[in-house]
Amino acid sequence: QVQLVESGGGLVQAGGSLRLSCATSGNIFSIRHMGWYRQAPGKQRELVATITNDGSTNYADSVKGRFAISRDNAKNTVHLQMNSLKPEDTAVYYCNADLVRWVDRNILYNNWGPGTQVTVSS
């Protein structure tokens, strides 16, 4: 089952901006926690930003001051606003979340989306 789908990736020049979105499927009641991760070719997947159920956020040092994570609880959607992009930000970006299933309110742990490509040209 695909419960999370990322969108908004693309090609942008250094210094530009992109806004990524991660949407849940219709059978998901809510998002308890969500994080954005990224993986560049030949490198390990790394944490970019997290947001808790109450809206508290945390960022990797490499993106502090440039990226902002936010959530829309009514739409069960999480966004990642990326500003002042650098070539080293080039990677596939993934969202990860603990989800609450609508039908029985059971928690689905550690769900991953398929990813969206972000490429920053120098």
C-alpha atoms as a PDB file:
ATOM      1  CA  GLN A   1       0.000   0.000   0.000  1.00  0.00           C
ATOM      2  CA  VAL A   2       1.215   3.485  -0.889  1.00  0.00           C
ATOM      3  CA  GLN A   3       0.077   5.740   1.940  1.00  0.00           C
ATOM      4  CA  LEU A   4       2.320   8.755   1.241  1.00  0.00           C
ATOM      5  CA  VAL A   5       3.117  10.482  -2.061  1.00  0.00           C
ATOM      6  CA  GLU A   6       5.631  13.322  -2.496  1.00  0.00           C
ATOM      7  CA  SER A   7       5.359  16.027  -5.154  1.00  0.00           C
ATOM      8  CA  GLY A   8       6.930  19.363  -6.088  1.00  0.00           C
ATOM      9  CA  GLY A   9      10.433  18.282  -7.028  1.00  0.00           C
ATOM     10  CA  GLY A  10      12.198  19.495 -10.129  1.00  0.00           C
ATOM     11  CA  LEU A  11      15.175  21.354 -11.558  1.00  0.00           C
ATOM     12  CA  VAL A  12      16.091  24.747 -10.136  1.00  0.00           C
ATOM     13  CA  GLN A  13      19.085  27.067 -10.305  1.00  0.00           C
ATOM     14  CA  ALA A  14      21.252  27.657  -7.255  1.00  0.00           C
ATOM     15  CA  GLY A  15      19.637  30.271  -5.051  1.00  0.00           C
ATOM     16  CA  GLY A  16      16.146  29.342  -6.172  1.00  0.00           C
ATOM     17  CA  SER A  17      13.253  27.786  -4.286  1.00  0.00           C
ATOM     18  CA  LEU A  18      11.024  24.730  -4.394  1.00  0.00           C
ATOM     19  CA  ARG A  19       8.058  23.668  -2.287  1.00  0.00           C
ATOM     20  CA  LEU A  20       7.615  19.953  -1.694  1.00  0.00           C
ATOM     21  CA  SER A  21       4.377  18.375  -0.539  1.00  0.00           C
ATOM     22  CA  CYS A  22       3.598  15.003   0.995  1.00  0.00           C
ATOM     23  CA  ALA A  23      -0.019  13.894   0.830  1.00  0.00           C
ATOM     24  CA  THR A  24      -1.681  10.922   2.498  1.00  0.00           C
ATOM     25  CA  SER A  25      -4.145   8.508   0.966  1.00  0.00           C
ATOM     26  CA  GLY A  26      -7.855   8.664   1.678  1.00  0.00           C
ATOM     27  CA  ASN A  27      -7.818   5.865   4.242  1.00  0.00           C
ATOM     28  CA  ILE A  28      -5.532   7.809   6.605  1.00  0.00           C
ATOM     29  CA  PHE A  29      -7.191   9.658   9.465  1.00  0.00           C
ATOM     30  CA  SER A  30      -4.242  11.719  10.655  1.00  0.00           C
ATOM     31  CA  ILE A  31      -0.461  12.115  10.748  1.00  0.00           C
ATOM     32  CA  ARG A  32       1.086  11.686  14.179  1.00  0.00           C
ATOM     33  CA  HIS A  33       4.614  12.576  13.123  1.00  0.00           C
ATOM     34  CA  MET A  34       6.366  13.289   9.843  1.00  0.00           C
ATOM     35  CA  GLY A  35       9.918  13.822   8.676  1.00  0.00           C
ATOM     36  CA  TRP A  36      11.583  14.773   5.411  1.00  0.00           C
ATOM     37  CA  TYR A  37      14.673  12.808   4.392  1.00  0.00           C
ATOM     38  CA  ARG A  38      16.927  12.974   1.368  1.00  0.00           C
ATOM     39  CA  GLN A  39      19.353  10.661  -0.371  1.00  0.00           C
ATOM     40  CA  ALA A  40      21.977  11.740  -2.889  1.00  0.00           C
ATOM     41  CA  PRO A  41      23.626   9.234  -5.253  1.00  0.00           C
ATOM     42  CA  GLY A  42      26.207   7.149  -3.422  1.00  0.00           C
ATOM     43  CA  LYS A  43      25.272   8.570  -0.027  1.00  0.00           C
ATOM     44  CA  GLN A  44      23.210   7.421   2.927  1.00  0.00           C
ATOM     45  CA  ARG A  45      19.704   8.694   3.452  1.00  0.00           C
ATOM     46  CA  GLU A  46      19.769  11.615   5.882  1.00  0.00           C
ATOM     47  CA  LEU A  47      17.226  13.456   7.979  1.00  0.00           C
ATOM     48  CA  VAL A  48      16.313  16.938   6.741  1.00  0.00           C
ATOM     49  CA  ALA A  49      13.457  18.098   8.976  1.00  0.00           C
ATOM     50  CA  THR A  50      10.775  16.778  11.309  1.00  0.00           C
ATOM     51  CA  ILE A  51       7.447  18.045  12.586  1.00  0.00           C
ATOM     52  CA  THR A  52       5.505  16.620  15.515  1.00  0.00           C
ATOM     53  CA  ASN A  53       1.771  16.287  16.038  1.00  0.00           C
ATOM     54  CA  ASP A  54       1.669  19.615  17.891  1.00  0.00           C
ATOM     55  CA  GLY A  55       3.731  21.422  15.260  1.00  0.00           C
ATOM     56  CA  SER A  56       7.178  21.404  16.861  1.00  0.00           C
ATOM     57  CA  THR A  57       9.942  21.365  14.251  1.00  0.00           C
ATOM     58  CA  ASN A  58      13.574  20.340  14.014  1.00  0.00           C
ATOM     59  CA  TYR A  59      16.115  20.753  11.203  1.00  0.00           C
ATOM     60  CA  ALA A  60      19.433  19.373  10.108  1.00  0.00           C
ATOM     61  CA  ASP A  61      22.239  21.892  10.516  1.00  0.00           C
ATOM     62  CA  SER A  62      22.825  21.905   6.765  1.00  0.00           C
ATOM     63  CA  VAL A  63      19.353  23.333   6.033  1.00  0.00           C
ATOM     64  CA  LYS A  64      18.686  25.567   9.040  1.00  0.00           C
ATOM     65  CA  GLY A  65      17.597  29.026   7.967  1.00  0.00           C
ATOM     66  CA  ARG A  66      16.859  27.857   4.418  1.00  0.00           C
ATOM     67  CA  PHE A  67      14.188  25.131   4.724  1.00  0.00           C
ATOM     68  CA  ALA A  68      10.862  25.205   6.567  1.00  0.00           C
ATOM     69  CA  ILE A  69       8.603  22.252   7.319  1.00  0.00           C
ATOM     70  CA  SER A  70       4.886  22.781   7.922  1.00  0.00           C
ATOM     71  CA  ARG A  71       1.700  20.748   8.129  1.00  0.00           C
ATOM     72  CA  ASP A  72      -1.943  21.172   7.177  1.00  0.00           C
ATOM     73  CA  ASN A  73      -3.855  18.925   9.555  1.00  0.00           C
ATOM     74  CA  ALA A  74      -7.181  19.439   7.782  1.00  0.00           C
ATOM     75  CA  LYS A  75      -5.715  18.064   4.547  1.00  0.00           C
ATOM     76  CA  ASN A  76      -3.298  15.574   6.130  1.00  0.00           C
ATOM     77  CA  THR A  77      -0.507  17.148   4.122  1.00  0.00           C
ATOM     78  CA  VAL A  78       3.035  18.174   5.059  1.00  0.00           C
ATOM     79  CA  HIS A  79       5.172  20.656   3.129  1.00  0.00           C
ATOM     80  CA  LEU A  80       8.857  21.453   2.863  1.00  0.00           C
ATOM     81  CA  GLN A  81       9.645  24.969   1.656  1.00  0.00           C
ATOM     82  CA  MET A  82      13.215  25.036   0.342  1.00  0.00           C
ATOM     83  CA  ASN A  83      14.856  28.420  -0.221  1.00  0.00           C
ATOM     84  CA  SER A  84      18.382  29.467  -1.185  1.00  0.00           C
ATOM     85  CA  LEU A  85      18.956  26.061  -2.720  1.00  0.00           C
ATOM     86  CA  LYS A  86      22.503  24.839  -3.245  1.00  0.00           C
ATOM     87  CA  PRO A  87      23.874  22.154  -5.578  1.00  0.00           C
ATOM     88  CA  GLU A  88      24.576  19.989  -2.523  1.00  0.00           C
ATOM     89  CA  ASP A  89      20.824  19.896  -1.867  1.00  0.00           C
ATOM     90  CA  THR A  90      20.432  17.723  -4.971  1.00  0.00           C
ATOM     91  CA  ALA A  91      18.860  14.433  -3.888  1.00  0.00           C
ATOM     92  CA  VAL A  92      15.722  12.351  -3.875  1.00  0.00           C
ATOM     93  CA  TYR A  93      13.523  13.676  -1.086  1.00  0.00           C
ATOM     94  CA  TYR A  94      11.309  11.303   0.885  1.00  0.00           C
ATOM     95  CA  CYS A  95       8.641  11.804   3.498  1.00  0.00           C
ATOM     96  CA  ASN A  96       8.242   9.435   6.431  1.00  0.00           C
ATOM     97  CA  ALA A  97       5.410   9.331   8.934  1.00  0.00           C
ATOM     98  CA  ASP A  98       3.562   7.439  11.597  1.00  0.00           C
ATOM     99  CA  LEU A  99      -0.046   7.366  10.381  1.00  0.00           C
ATOM    100  CA  VAL A 100      -3.421   6.717  11.965  1.00  0.00           C
ATOM    101  CA  ARG A 101      -5.686   4.550   9.832  1.00  0.00           C
ATOM    102  CA  TRP A 102      -9.222   5.844   9.414  1.00  0.00           C
ATOM    103  CA  VAL A 103     -11.103   2.543   9.567  1.00  0.00           C
ATOM    104  CA  ASP A 104      -9.965   1.483  13.044  1.00  0.00           C
ATOM    105  CA  ARG A 105      -7.646   4.283  14.257  1.00  0.00           C
ATOM    106  CA  ASN A 106      -4.733   1.856  14.381  1.00  0.00           C
ATOM    107  CA  ILE A 107      -1.247   3.325  14.046  1.00  0.00           C
ATOM    108  CA  LEU A 108       0.870   2.478  11.010  1.00  0.00           C
ATOM    109  CA  TYR A 109       4.526   3.039  11.888  1.00  0.00           C
ATOM    110  CA  ASN A 110       7.436   4.172   9.714  1.00  0.00           C
ATOM    111  CA  ASN A 111       5.721   4.716   6.365  1.00  0.00           C
ATOM    112  CA  TRP A 112       7.757   5.969   3.395  1.00  0.00           C
ATOM    113  CA  GLY A 113       6.731   7.735   0.225  1.00  0.00           C
ATOM    114  CA  PRO A 114       8.328   6.855  -3.141  1.00  0.00           C
ATOM    115  CA  GLY A 115      10.343  10.089  -3.252  1.00  0.00           C
ATOM    116  CA  THR A 116      10.625  13.137  -5.497  1.00  0.00           C
ATOM    117  CA  GLN A 117      13.786  14.294  -7.288  1.00  0.00           C
ATOM    118  CA  VAL A 118      15.275  17.699  -6.521  1.00  0.00           C
ATOM    119  CA  THR A 119      18.126  18.871  -8.754  1.00  0.00           C
ATOM    120  CA  VAL A 120      19.927  22.169  -8.144  1.00  0.00           C
ATOM    121  CA  SER A 121      22.180  23.419 -10.927  1.00  0.00           C
ATOM    122  CA  SER A 122      25.301  25.464 -10.231  1.00  0.00           C
END
